[in-house]
C-alpha cells in the first residue's frame, strides 16, 4: 500500500493506493481545505486515523520548491519535511516532490480519454516533454527522455519574469511591478492572475465592465465569475480578460517547450484549463504557443494536451512512490 498526497494552496488530497497489480488502484481518498490546518502533518495524521491502513512508502506533491526533502509551500504558511513526516506517521520512506513533478509522473498512467487534444503535433513526435499548470499559482516541470523512458524533474519557471508582447500586456506588467515589485508569470497565469488582468483592462479603459459581474466579484472569488461570464459572452471585459489570459498561457507554454526542447509534447494541468476548455480549443492558445518567429515550425509539430483528470498529481505522487519502492 502507498500513501500519496497532492498539496496545493487551496486544497489537499490524500489517498491510499493498492500497488499489487500493474495498475495503480485508489483504495481510500479524502480532500481537505489546506488553509483550515496548521500543517500537512495535522492533515496526514487525521487521514491515517480515519482510514487505519498501513503504507510502507509515501509521496507528497507540494506546490513549491523542494530542497533536500523540505518544501516551504509557495501559497501556504507550511514547511513540509519528509523526514519529520516519516517519523510522525511511522512510514518507512516518505518523499516530498514538487506538485508539477508529481503531475509529470502521472502522464504515463492516464488513459487517452483523460486528455483533450489542442494540437495533435507530428505523428512520430518523441523526445522531452513539458508540463504546465495554472491554478492557485503557476507550476512548470519537465520530463527528460533518456532513450528508454521519461524522467520527470521539477522547476520553478512560474516565478520567472513575465514578458509582455504588446501594449496592453505592457500596461499589465507595469501594474504588477507597481503592486508586487517583481512581476512573475504566476501573477498572470493563475486564479489571482485572471483578476489582475481583469483589473488592468478595466482600469486602463481597454474593455467595459458589466455591473452584474462587478457585483458578483465583490461577493466571492473573482476567477470563476470572470471565466463563466466570458464563456457565456455576458461581459465584454470578461471576454477580453479570458482572451488575454489564454493567449498568455499559450505563449508561456511555448516558451517552456522551447527551453526544454519538448518535442515529445506539452501537457496542461491545473484546475483552470479544464474548466475553460471551450476557450482553450478555439485556437487562441495554439496560435500564441506557435508564434515564435523562426522556430514556429518546431512548435507546430509539438503535441499539446489538456489533462482532464483532476487527480493527476495525486496519481503521479503514488507512481513516484511506487517507482522509488521498486528500486
C-alpha atoms as a PDB file:
ATOM      1  CA  UNK A   1       0.000   0.000   0.000  1.00  0.00           C
ATOM      2  CA  UNK A   2       1.180   3.516  -0.839  1.00  0.00           C
ATOM      3  CA  UNK A   3       0.086   6.835   0.685  1.00  0.00           C
ATOM      4  CA  UNK A   4       0.027   9.723  -1.797  1.00  0.00           C
ATOM      5  CA  UNK A   5      -0.793  13.401  -1.463  1.00  0.00           C
ATOM      6  CA  UNK A   6      -1.433  16.414  -3.686  1.00  0.00           C
ATOM      7  CA  UNK A   7      -0.774  19.513  -1.590  1.00  0.00           C
ATOM      8  CA  UNK A   8      -1.979  22.814  -3.044  1.00  0.00           C
ATOM      9  CA  UNK A   9      -2.572  26.308  -1.768  1.00  0.00           C
ATOM     10  CA  UNK A  10      -6.340  25.757  -1.799  1.00  0.00           C
ATOM     11  CA  UNK A  11      -6.887  22.033  -1.231  1.00  0.00           C
ATOM     12  CA  UNK A  12      -5.031  18.964  -0.039  1.00  0.00           C
ATOM     13  CA  UNK A  13      -5.885  15.489  -1.358  1.00  0.00           C
ATOM     14  CA  UNK A  14      -4.643  12.312   0.298  1.00  0.00           C
ATOM     15  CA  UNK A  15      -5.213   8.743  -0.838  1.00  0.00           C
ATOM     16  CA  UNK A  16      -4.111   5.163  -0.312  1.00  0.00           C
ATOM     17  CA  UNK A  17      -3.213   3.201  -3.443  1.00  0.00           C
ATOM     18  CA  UNK A  18      -3.010  -0.550  -3.876  1.00  0.00           C
ATOM     19  CA  UNK A  19       0.067  -1.410  -5.942  1.00  0.00           C
ATOM     20  CA  UNK A  20      -0.279  -5.194  -6.002  1.00  0.00           C
ATOM     21  CA  UNK A  21      -1.099  -5.168  -9.738  1.00  0.00           C
ATOM     22  CA  UNK A  22       0.369  -3.421 -12.791  1.00  0.00           C
ATOM     23  CA  UNK A  23      -2.101  -0.535 -12.480  1.00  0.00           C
ATOM     24  CA  UNK A  24      -2.461   1.803  -9.521  1.00  0.00           C
ATOM     25  CA  UNK A  25      -5.787   1.332  -7.723  1.00  0.00           C
ATOM     26  CA  UNK A  26      -7.080   4.038  -5.385  1.00  0.00           C
ATOM     27  CA  UNK A  27      -8.489   2.491  -2.204  1.00  0.00           C
ATOM     28  CA  UNK A  28      -9.343   5.438   0.059  1.00  0.00           C
ATOM     29  CA  UNK A  29      -9.322   9.170  -0.613  1.00  0.00           C
ATOM     30  CA  UNK A  30     -10.115  12.380   1.256  1.00  0.00           C
ATOM     31  CA  UNK A  31      -9.982  16.078   0.431  1.00  0.00           C
ATOM     32  CA  UNK A  32      -9.228  18.867   2.918  1.00  0.00           C
ATOM     33  CA  UNK A  33      -9.191  22.661   2.785  1.00  0.00           C
ATOM     34  CA  UNK A  34      -5.491  23.458   3.145  1.00  0.00           C
ATOM     35  CA  UNK A  35      -5.933  26.788   4.905  1.00  0.00           C
ATOM     36  CA  UNK A  36      -8.032  25.248   7.675  1.00  0.00           C
ATOM     37  CA  UNK A  37      -4.993  23.355   9.013  1.00  0.00           C
ATOM     38  CA  UNK A  38      -1.722  24.477  10.532  1.00  0.00           C
ATOM     39  CA  UNK A  39       0.392  21.871   8.737  1.00  0.00           C
ATOM     40  CA  UNK A  40       0.402  18.837   6.461  1.00  0.00           C
ATOM     41  CA  UNK A  41       1.367  16.731   9.488  1.00  0.00           C
ATOM     42  CA  UNK A  42      -2.008  17.547  11.053  1.00  0.00           C
ATOM     43  CA  UNK A  43      -3.945  16.504   7.944  1.00  0.00           C
ATOM     44  CA  UNK A  44      -1.894  13.346   7.346  1.00  0.00           C
ATOM     45  CA  UNK A  45      -2.300  12.109  10.916  1.00  0.00           C
ATOM     46  CA  UNK A  46      -6.037  12.727  10.750  1.00  0.00           C
ATOM     47  CA  UNK A  47      -6.253  10.813   7.462  1.00  0.00           C
ATOM     48  CA  UNK A  48      -4.321   7.838   8.890  1.00  0.00           C
ATOM     49  CA  UNK A  49      -6.533   7.789  11.982  1.00  0.00           C
ATOM     50  CA  UNK A  50      -9.742   7.892   9.910  1.00  0.00           C
ATOM     51  CA  UNK A  51      -8.788   5.100   7.495  1.00  0.00           C
ATOM     52  CA  UNK A  52      -6.477   2.862   9.548  1.00  0.00           C
ATOM     53  CA  UNK A  53      -4.492   1.455   6.642  1.00  0.00           C
ATOM     54  CA  UNK A  54      -0.741   0.931   6.624  1.00  0.00           C
ATOM     55  CA  UNK A  55       1.664   2.137   3.958  1.00  0.00           C
ATOM     56  CA  UNK A  56       5.346   1.372   3.520  1.00  0.00           C
ATOM     57  CA  UNK A  57       6.020   4.265   1.152  1.00  0.00           C
ATOM     58  CA  UNK A  58       4.502   7.750   0.838  1.00  0.00           C
ATOM     59  CA  UNK A  59       4.959  10.600  -1.585  1.00  0.00           C
ATOM     60  CA  UNK A  60       3.548  14.119  -1.390  1.00  0.00           C
ATOM     61  CA  UNK A  61       3.464  16.517  -4.333  1.00  0.00           C
ATOM     62  CA  UNK A  62       3.660  20.056  -2.980  1.00  0.00           C
ATOM     63  CA  UNK A  63       3.186  23.412  -4.692  1.00  0.00           C
ATOM     64  CA  UNK A  64       6.579  24.926  -4.036  1.00  0.00           C
ATOM     65  CA  UNK A  65      10.334  24.379  -4.405  1.00  0.00           C
ATOM     66  CA  UNK A  66      11.730  21.267  -2.688  1.00  0.00           C
ATOM     67  CA  UNK A  67      15.287  21.166  -1.364  1.00  0.00           C
ATOM     68  CA  UNK A  68      16.690  18.089   0.412  1.00  0.00           C
ATOM     69  CA  UNK A  69      13.225  16.757   1.177  1.00  0.00           C
ATOM     70  CA  UNK A  70      11.966  20.042   2.614  1.00  0.00           C
ATOM     71  CA  UNK A  71       9.463  22.410   0.998  1.00  0.00           C
ATOM     72  CA  UNK A  72       8.287  25.812   2.135  1.00  0.00           C
ATOM     73  CA  UNK A  73       4.989  25.946   0.279  1.00  0.00           C
ATOM     74  CA  UNK A  74       4.605  28.946  -2.021  1.00  0.00           C
ATOM     75  CA  UNK A  75       0.962  29.765  -1.285  1.00  0.00           C
ATOM     76  CA  UNK A  76       0.682  28.303   2.241  1.00  0.00           C
ATOM     77  CA  UNK A  77       2.379  29.081   5.549  1.00  0.00           C
ATOM     78  CA  UNK A  78       3.613  25.483   5.765  1.00  0.00           C
ATOM     79  CA  UNK A  79       7.035  23.883   5.889  1.00  0.00           C
ATOM     80  CA  UNK A  80       6.855  20.239   4.809  1.00  0.00           C
ATOM     81  CA  UNK A  81       9.722  17.986   5.892  1.00  0.00           C
ATOM     82  CA  UNK A  82       9.900  14.435   4.532  1.00  0.00           C
ATOM     83  CA  UNK A  83      11.971  13.074   7.434  1.00  0.00           C
ATOM     84  CA  UNK A  84       9.661  14.639  10.011  1.00  0.00           C
ATOM     85  CA  UNK A  85       6.581  13.241   8.274  1.00  0.00           C
ATOM     86  CA  UNK A  86       8.092   9.745   8.129  1.00  0.00           C
ATOM     87  CA  UNK A  87       8.794   9.827  11.851  1.00  0.00           C
ATOM     88  CA  UNK A  88       5.362  11.138  12.845  1.00  0.00           C
ATOM     89  CA  UNK A  89       3.428   8.774  10.572  1.00  0.00           C
ATOM     90  CA  UNK A  90       5.567   5.704  11.192  1.00  0.00           C
ATOM     91  CA  UNK A  91       6.182   5.178   7.454  1.00  0.00           C
ATOM     92  CA  UNK A  92       9.480   3.730   6.248  1.00  0.00           C
ATOM     93  CA  UNK A  93      10.101   6.136   3.374  1.00  0.00           C
ATOM     94  CA  UNK A  94       8.453   9.497   2.672  1.00  0.00           C
ATOM     95  CA  UNK A  95       9.197  11.544  -0.442  1.00  0.00           C
ATOM     96  CA  UNK A  96       8.346  15.211  -0.913  1.00  0.00           C
ATOM     97  CA  UNK A  97       8.392  16.400  -4.526  1.00  0.00           C
ATOM     98  CA  UNK A  98       7.080  19.400  -6.436  1.00  0.00           C
ATOM     99  CA  UNK A  99       3.413  19.078  -7.427  1.00  0.00           C
ATOM    100  CA  UNK A 100       4.121  19.542 -11.144  1.00  0.00           C
ATOM    101  CA  UNK A 101       6.800  16.866 -10.941  1.00  0.00           C
ATOM    102  CA  UNK A 102       4.065  14.668  -9.456  1.00  0.00           C
ATOM    103  CA  UNK A 103       1.772  15.533 -12.370  1.00  0.00           C
ATOM    104  CA  UNK A 104       4.555  14.564 -14.769  1.00  0.00           C
ATOM    105  CA  UNK A 105       4.774  11.130 -13.130  1.00  0.00           C
ATOM    106  CA  UNK A 106       1.059  10.652 -13.909  1.00  0.00           C
ATOM    107  CA  UNK A 107       1.354  11.216 -17.679  1.00  0.00           C
ATOM    108  CA  UNK A 108       2.009   7.565 -18.478  1.00  0.00           C
ATOM    109  CA  UNK A 109      -0.694   6.364 -16.069  1.00  0.00           C
ATOM    110  CA  UNK A 110      -3.619   8.242 -17.627  1.00  0.00           C
ATOM    111  CA  UNK A 111      -5.880   6.920 -20.390  1.00  0.00           C
ATOM    112  CA  UNK A 112      -6.273   8.658 -23.761  1.00  0.00           C
ATOM    113  CA  UNK A 113      -9.813   9.673 -22.740  1.00  0.00           C
ATOM    114  CA  UNK A 114      -8.339  11.693 -19.866  1.00  0.00           C
ATOM    115  CA  UNK A 115      -6.783  14.192 -22.270  1.00  0.00           C
ATOM    116  CA  UNK A 116      -8.223  16.862 -24.566  1.00  0.00           C
ATOM    117  CA  UNK A 117      -6.006  17.388 -27.620  1.00  0.00           C
ATOM    118  CA  UNK A 118      -5.397  21.016 -28.605  1.00  0.00           C
ATOM    119  CA  UNK A 119      -2.765  20.221 -31.229  1.00  0.00           C
ATOM    120  CA  UNK A 120      -2.018  16.685 -32.462  1.00  0.00           C
ATOM    121  CA  UNK A 121       1.547  17.508 -33.457  1.00  0.00           C
ATOM    122  CA  UNK A 122       3.740  15.266 -35.569  1.00  0.00           C
ATOM    123  CA  UNK A 123       2.661  11.599 -35.812  1.00  0.00           C
ATOM    124  CA  UNK A 124       6.178  10.497 -34.788  1.00  0.00           C
ATOM    125  CA  UNK A 125       6.629  13.086 -32.022  1.00  0.00           C
ATOM    126  CA  UNK A 126       9.142  11.967 -29.402  1.00  0.00           C
ATOM    127  CA  UNK A 127      11.670  13.460 -27.022  1.00  0.00           C
ATOM    128  CA  UNK A 128      11.457  15.612 -23.925  1.00  0.00           C
ATOM    129  CA  UNK A 129       8.082  16.723 -22.573  1.00  0.00           C
ATOM    130  CA  UNK A 130       6.878  19.724 -20.607  1.00  0.00           C
ATOM    131  CA  UNK A 131       4.081  20.156 -18.066  1.00  0.00           C
ATOM    132  CA  UNK A 132       2.481  23.494 -17.194  1.00  0.00           C
ATOM    133  CA  UNK A 133      -0.453  24.133 -14.871  1.00  0.00           C
ATOM    134  CA  UNK A 134      -2.250  27.307 -13.849  1.00  0.00           C
ATOM    135  CA  UNK A 135      -4.320  27.089 -10.667  1.00  0.00           C
ATOM    136  CA  UNK A 136      -3.784  28.855  -7.354  1.00  0.00           C
ATOM    137  CA  UNK A 137      -0.305  29.512  -8.750  1.00  0.00           C
ATOM    138  CA  UNK A 138       1.608  28.530 -11.890  1.00  0.00           C
ATOM    139  CA  UNK A 139       3.617  25.327 -11.934  1.00  0.00           C
ATOM    140  CA  UNK A 140       6.016  24.005 -14.556  1.00  0.00           C
ATOM    141  CA  UNK A 141       8.042  20.821 -14.894  1.00  0.00           C
ATOM    142  CA  UNK A 142       9.970  18.817 -17.457  1.00  0.00           C
ATOM    143  CA  UNK A 143      10.270  15.182 -18.495  1.00  0.00           C
ATOM    144  CA  UNK A 144      13.709  14.305 -19.845  1.00  0.00           C
ATOM    145  CA  UNK A 145      13.722  11.489 -22.433  1.00  0.00           C
ATOM    146  CA  UNK A 146      16.723   9.244 -21.741  1.00  0.00           C
ATOM    147  CA  UNK A 147      16.167   7.000 -24.746  1.00  0.00           C
ATOM    148  CA  UNK A 148      14.080   4.482 -22.803  1.00  0.00           C
ATOM    149  CA  UNK A 149      11.672   6.414 -20.595  1.00  0.00           C
ATOM    150  CA  UNK A 150      10.732   9.902 -19.474  1.00  0.00           C
ATOM    151  CA  UNK A 151      12.285  11.085 -16.219  1.00  0.00           C
ATOM    152  CA  UNK A 152      10.330  13.915 -14.524  1.00  0.00           C
ATOM    153  CA  UNK A 153      12.094  16.850 -12.936  1.00  0.00           C
ATOM    154  CA  UNK A 154      10.831  19.977 -11.205  1.00  0.00           C
ATOM    155  CA  UNK A 155      11.489  23.620 -11.987  1.00  0.00           C
ATOM    156  CA  UNK A 156      10.165  26.968 -10.797  1.00  0.00           C
ATOM    157  CA  UNK A 157       9.550  28.587 -14.174  1.00  0.00           C
ATOM    158  CA  UNK A 158       6.283  30.067 -12.948  1.00  0.00           C
ATOM    159  CA  UNK A 159       8.317  32.566 -10.942  1.00  0.00           C
ATOM    160  CA  UNK A 160      10.427  33.747 -13.884  1.00  0.00           C
ATOM    161  CA  UNK A 161       9.909  37.244 -15.308  1.00  0.00           C
ATOM    162  CA  UNK A 162       6.628  37.923 -17.078  1.00  0.00           C
ATOM    163  CA  UNK A 163       7.292  39.174 -20.621  1.00  0.00           C
ATOM    164  CA  UNK A 164       4.653  41.268 -22.444  1.00  0.00           C
ATOM    165  CA  UNK A 165       4.207  41.072 -26.218  1.00  0.00           C
ATOM    166  CA  UNK A 166       2.067  44.154 -26.914  1.00  0.00           C
ATOM    167  CA  UNK A 167       0.887  47.464 -25.392  1.00  0.00           C
ATOM    168  CA  UNK A 168      -1.993  46.116 -23.192  1.00  0.00           C
ATOM    169  CA  UNK A 169       0.296  43.426 -21.797  1.00  0.00           C
ATOM    170  CA  UNK A 170       2.941  46.104 -21.129  1.00  0.00           C
ATOM    171  CA  UNK A 171       0.346  48.006 -19.079  1.00  0.00           C
ATOM    172  CA  UNK A 172      -0.243  44.771 -17.144  1.00  0.00           C
ATOM    173  CA  UNK A 173       3.494  44.434 -16.498  1.00  0.00           C
ATOM    174  CA  UNK A 174       3.741  47.985 -15.131  1.00  0.00           C
ATOM    175  CA  UNK A 175       0.678  47.449 -12.908  1.00  0.00           C
ATOM    176  CA  UNK A 176       2.111  44.221 -11.492  1.00  0.00           C
ATOM    177  CA  UNK A 177       5.501  45.806 -10.848  1.00  0.00           C
ATOM    178  CA  UNK A 178       3.831  48.691  -9.026  1.00  0.00           C
ATOM    179  CA  UNK A 179       1.831  46.274  -6.874  1.00  0.00           C
ATOM    180  CA  UNK A 180       4.346  43.474  -6.222  1.00  0.00           C
ATOM    181  CA  UNK A 181       7.775  44.755  -7.205  1.00  0.00           C
ATOM    182  CA  UNK A 182       8.556  41.625  -9.211  1.00  0.00           C
ATOM    183  CA  UNK A 183       6.168  40.620 -11.994  1.00  0.00           C
ATOM    184  CA  UNK A 184       6.313  36.828 -12.339  1.00  0.00           C
ATOM    185  CA  UNK A 185       4.349  34.675 -14.772  1.00  0.00           C
ATOM    186  CA  UNK A 186       2.459  33.292 -11.761  1.00  0.00           C
ATOM    187  CA  UNK A 187       0.999  36.769 -11.140  1.00  0.00           C
ATOM    188  CA  UNK A 188      -0.659  36.468 -14.573  1.00  0.00           C
ATOM    189  CA  UNK A 189      -1.333  32.771 -15.159  1.00  0.00           C
ATOM    190  CA  UNK A 190      -3.291  31.743 -12.066  1.00  0.00           C
ATOM    191  CA  UNK A 191      -6.685  32.330 -10.487  1.00  0.00           C
ATOM    192  CA  UNK A 192      -5.484  35.593  -8.897  1.00  0.00           C
ATOM    193  CA  UNK A 193      -3.742  36.387 -12.193  1.00  0.00           C
ATOM    194  CA  UNK A 194      -7.030  36.283 -14.061  1.00  0.00           C
ATOM    195  CA  UNK A 195      -8.306  39.028 -11.764  1.00  0.00           C
ATOM    196  CA  UNK A 196      -5.091  41.037 -12.233  1.00  0.00           C
ATOM    197  CA  UNK A 197      -5.708  41.012 -15.992  1.00  0.00           C
ATOM    198  CA  UNK A 198      -9.352  41.989 -15.435  1.00  0.00           C
ATOM    199  CA  UNK A 199      -8.497  44.996 -13.255  1.00  0.00           C
ATOM    200  CA  UNK A 200      -5.768  46.137 -15.646  1.00  0.00           C
ATOM    201  CA  UNK A 201      -8.070  46.081 -18.681  1.00  0.00           C
ATOM    202  CA  UNK A 202     -10.805  47.796 -16.663  1.00  0.00           C
ATOM    203  CA  UNK A 203      -8.608  50.496 -15.113  1.00  0.00           C
ATOM    204  CA  UNK A 204      -6.978  51.376 -18.424  1.00  0.00           C
ATOM    205  CA  UNK A 205     -10.328  51.567 -20.214  1.00  0.00           C
ATOM    206  CA  UNK A 206      -9.487  48.771 -22.640  1.00  0.00           C
ATOM    207  CA  UNK A 207     -12.831  46.995 -22.154  1.00  0.00           C
ATOM    208  CA  UNK A 208     -16.147  47.790 -20.466  1.00  0.00           C
ATOM    209  CA  UNK A 209     -17.145  46.210 -17.152  1.00  0.00           C
ATOM    210  CA  UNK A 210     -20.586  44.694 -16.596  1.00  0.00           C
ATOM    211  CA  UNK A 211     -22.393  45.911 -13.460  1.00  0.00           C
ATOM    212  CA  UNK A 212     -23.702  42.395 -12.773  1.00  0.00           C
ATOM    213  CA  UNK A 213     -20.208  40.924 -12.946  1.00  0.00           C
ATOM    214  CA  UNK A 214     -18.789  43.678 -10.732  1.00  0.00           C
ATOM    215  CA  UNK A 215     -21.407  42.880  -8.073  1.00  0.00           C
ATOM    216  CA  UNK A 216     -20.694  39.146  -8.295  1.00  0.00           C
ATOM    217  CA  UNK A 217     -16.952  39.713  -7.978  1.00  0.00           C
ATOM    218  CA  UNK A 218     -17.451  41.819  -4.843  1.00  0.00           C
ATOM    219  CA  UNK A 219     -19.205  38.892  -3.168  1.00  0.00           C
ATOM    220  CA  UNK A 220     -16.867  35.985  -3.948  1.00  0.00           C
ATOM    221  CA  UNK A 221     -13.906  34.510  -5.817  1.00  0.00           C
ATOM    222  CA  UNK A 222     -13.361  36.660  -8.940  1.00  0.00           C
ATOM    223  CA  UNK A 223     -11.749  33.994 -11.177  1.00  0.00           C
ATOM    224  CA  UNK A 224     -14.754  31.664 -11.708  1.00  0.00           C
ATOM    225  CA  UNK A 225     -17.073  34.647 -12.095  1.00  0.00           C
ATOM    226  CA  UNK A 226     -14.861  36.134 -14.814  1.00  0.00           C
ATOM    227  CA  UNK A 227     -14.333  32.880 -16.712  1.00  0.00           C
ATOM    228  CA  UNK A 228     -18.031  31.895 -16.597  1.00  0.00           C
ATOM    229  CA  UNK A 229     -19.163  35.330 -17.781  1.00  0.00           C
ATOM    230  CA  UNK A 230     -16.584  35.208 -20.581  1.00  0.00           C
ATOM    231  CA  UNK A 231     -17.615  31.752 -21.782  1.00  0.00           C
ATOM    232  CA  UNK A 232     -21.267  32.877 -21.762  1.00  0.00           C
ATOM    233  CA  UNK A 233     -20.315  36.099 -23.605  1.00  0.00           C
ATOM    234  CA  UNK A 234     -22.111  38.161 -20.935  1.00  0.00           C
ATOM    235  CA  UNK A 235     -19.424  40.785 -20.285  1.00  0.00           C
ATOM    236  CA  UNK A 236     -17.044  42.441 -22.797  1.00  0.00           C
ATOM    237  CA  UNK A 237     -14.398  42.947 -20.112  1.00  0.00           C
ATOM    238  CA  UNK A 238     -14.539  39.270 -19.084  1.00  0.00           C
ATOM    239  CA  UNK A 239     -14.297  38.167 -22.726  1.00  0.00           C
ATOM    240  CA  UNK A 240     -11.222  40.361 -23.228  1.00  0.00           C
ATOM    241  CA  UNK A 241      -9.732  39.132 -19.944  1.00  0.00           C
ATOM    242  CA  UNK A 242     -10.075  35.449 -20.766  1.00  0.00           C
ATOM    243  CA  UNK A 243      -8.780  36.035 -24.285  1.00  0.00           C
ATOM    244  CA  UNK A 244      -5.611  37.672 -22.941  1.00  0.00           C
ATOM    245  CA  UNK A 245      -5.239  35.003 -20.255  1.00  0.00           C
ATOM    246  CA  UNK A 246      -5.425  32.106 -22.725  1.00  0.00           C
ATOM    247  CA  UNK A 247      -3.129  33.850 -25.201  1.00  0.00           C
ATOM    248  CA  UNK A 248      -0.540  34.435 -22.478  1.00  0.00           C
ATOM    249  CA  UNK A 249      -0.970  30.842 -21.322  1.00  0.00           C
ATOM    250  CA  UNK A 250      -0.173  29.650 -24.825  1.00  0.00           C
ATOM    251  CA  UNK A 251       2.808  31.986 -25.091  1.00  0.00           C
ATOM    252  CA  UNK A 252       4.378  30.768 -21.838  1.00  0.00           C
ATOM    253  CA  UNK A 253       3.668  27.129 -22.724  1.00  0.00           C
ATOM    254  CA  UNK A 254       5.537  27.781 -25.973  1.00  0.00           C
ATOM    255  CA  UNK A 255       8.407  29.340 -24.015  1.00  0.00           C
ATOM    256  CA  UNK A 256       8.571  26.214 -21.859  1.00  0.00           C
ATOM    257  CA  UNK A 257       8.531  23.991 -24.940  1.00  0.00           C
ATOM    258  CA  UNK A 258      11.489  25.856 -26.444  1.00  0.00           C
ATOM    259  CA  UNK A 259      13.532  25.860 -23.232  1.00  0.00           C
ATOM    260  CA  UNK A 260      13.054  22.115 -22.767  1.00  0.00           C
ATOM    261  CA  UNK A 261      13.035  21.299 -26.493  1.00  0.00           C
ATOM    262  CA  UNK A 262       9.839  19.450 -25.584  1.00  0.00           C
ATOM    263  CA  UNK A 263       9.249  17.801 -28.945  1.00  0.00           C
ATOM    264  CA  UNK A 264       7.512  14.909 -27.165  1.00  0.00           C
ATOM    265  CA  UNK A 265       4.611  17.083 -26.074  1.00  0.00           C
ATOM    266  CA  UNK A 266       3.300  19.781 -23.764  1.00  0.00           C
ATOM    267  CA  UNK A 267       0.761  18.730 -21.126  1.00  0.00           C
ATOM    268  CA  UNK A 268      -1.508  21.292 -19.469  1.00  0.00           C
ATOM    269  CA  UNK A 269      -2.681  20.535 -15.949  1.00  0.00           C
ATOM    270  CA  UNK A 270      -4.222  22.560 -13.149  1.00  0.00           C
ATOM    271  CA  UNK A 271      -7.830  23.343 -12.459  1.00  0.00           C
ATOM    272  CA  UNK A 272      -8.302  26.281 -14.809  1.00  0.00           C
ATOM    273  CA  UNK A 273      -7.616  24.777 -18.259  1.00  0.00           C
ATOM    274  CA  UNK A 274     -10.220  22.011 -17.956  1.00  0.00           C
ATOM    275  CA  UNK A 275     -12.867  24.490 -16.768  1.00  0.00           C
ATOM    276  CA  UNK A 276     -12.331  26.832 -19.729  1.00  0.00           C
ATOM    277  CA  UNK A 277     -11.828  24.077 -22.297  1.00  0.00           C
ATOM    278  CA  UNK A 278     -14.048  25.693 -24.996  1.00  0.00           C
ATOM    279  CA  UNK A 279     -11.784  28.746 -24.933  1.00  0.00           C
ATOM    280  CA  UNK A 280      -8.639  26.624 -24.836  1.00  0.00           C
ATOM    281  CA  UNK A 281      -9.877  24.910 -28.007  1.00  0.00           C
ATOM    282  CA  UNK A 282     -10.770  27.997 -30.050  1.00  0.00           C
ATOM    283  CA  UNK A 283      -7.253  28.485 -31.468  1.00  0.00           C
ATOM    284  CA  UNK A 284      -6.118  31.347 -29.207  1.00  0.00           C
ATOM    285  CA  UNK A 285      -3.815  29.144 -27.122  1.00  0.00           C
ATOM    286  CA  UNK A 286      -2.301  27.266 -30.063  1.00  0.00           C
ATOM    287  CA  UNK A 287      -1.702  30.451 -32.067  1.00  0.00           C
ATOM    288  CA  UNK A 288       0.225  32.065 -29.206  1.00  0.00           C
ATOM    289  CA  UNK A 289       2.065  28.802 -28.490  1.00  0.00           C
ATOM    290  CA  UNK A 290       3.437  28.606 -32.022  1.00  0.00           C
ATOM    291  CA  UNK A 291       4.123  32.327 -32.535  1.00  0.00           C
ATOM    292  CA  UNK A 292       7.890  32.068 -32.038  1.00  0.00           C
ATOM    293  CA  UNK A 293       9.323  33.608 -35.162  1.00  0.00           C
ATOM    294  CA  UNK A 294      11.950  31.476 -36.886  1.00  0.00           C
ATOM    295  CA  UNK A 295      11.180  28.440 -34.704  1.00  0.00           C
ATOM    296  CA  UNK A 296       7.400  28.469 -35.201  1.00  0.00           C
ATOM    297  CA  UNK A 297       7.616  25.369 -37.398  1.00  0.00           C
ATOM    298  CA  UNK A 298       9.062  23.364 -34.494  1.00  0.00           C
ATOM    299  CA  UNK A 299       6.269  24.457 -32.158  1.00  0.00           C
ATOM    300  CA  UNK A 300       3.642  23.467 -34.728  1.00  0.00           C
ATOM    301  CA  UNK A 301       4.904  19.854 -34.583  1.00  0.00           C
ATOM    302  CA  UNK A 302       4.593  19.515 -30.797  1.00  0.00           C
ATOM    303  CA  UNK A 303       1.516  17.693 -29.401  1.00  0.00           C
ATOM    304  CA  UNK A 304      -0.465  19.771 -26.875  1.00  0.00           C
ATOM    305  CA  UNK A 305      -2.858  18.053 -24.475  1.00  0.00           C
ATOM    306  CA  UNK A 306      -5.020  19.259 -21.586  1.00  0.00           C
ATOM    307  CA  UNK A 307      -5.128  16.851 -18.639  1.00  0.00           C
ATOM    308  CA  UNK A 308      -8.790  16.313 -17.729  1.00  0.00           C
ATOM    309  CA  UNK A 309      -8.269  14.132 -14.651  1.00  0.00           C
ATOM    310  CA  UNK A 310      -8.222  16.488 -11.667  1.00  0.00           C
ATOM    311  CA  UNK A 311      -6.447  13.825  -9.587  1.00  0.00           C
ATOM    312  CA  UNK A 312      -3.419  13.627 -11.876  1.00  0.00           C
ATOM    313  CA  UNK A 313      -0.950  14.995  -9.304  1.00  0.00           C
ATOM    314  CA  UNK A 314      -2.259  12.542  -6.708  1.00  0.00           C
ATOM    315  CA  UNK A 315      -1.883   9.616  -9.116  1.00  0.00           C
ATOM    316  CA  UNK A 316       1.575  10.848 -10.064  1.00  0.00           C
ATOM    317  CA  UNK A 317       2.694  11.053  -6.435  1.00  0.00           C
ATOM    318  CA  UNK A 318       1.611   7.427  -5.991  1.00  0.00           C
ATOM    319  CA  UNK A 319       3.504   6.437  -9.140  1.00  0.00           C
ATOM    320  CA  UNK A 320       6.630   8.200  -7.878  1.00  0.00           C
ATOM    321  CA  UNK A 321       6.394   6.295  -4.569  1.00  0.00           C
ATOM    322  CA  UNK A 322       5.891   3.023  -6.422  1.00  0.00           C
ATOM    323  CA  UNK A 323       8.916   3.575  -8.662  1.00  0.00           C
ATOM    324  CA  UNK A 324      11.024   4.534  -5.655  1.00  0.00           C
ATOM    325  CA  UNK A 325       9.927   1.384  -3.819  1.00  0.00           C
ATOM    326  CA  UNK A 326      10.853  -0.773  -6.807  1.00  0.00           C
ATOM    327  CA  UNK A 327      14.445   0.479  -6.859  1.00  0.00           C
END
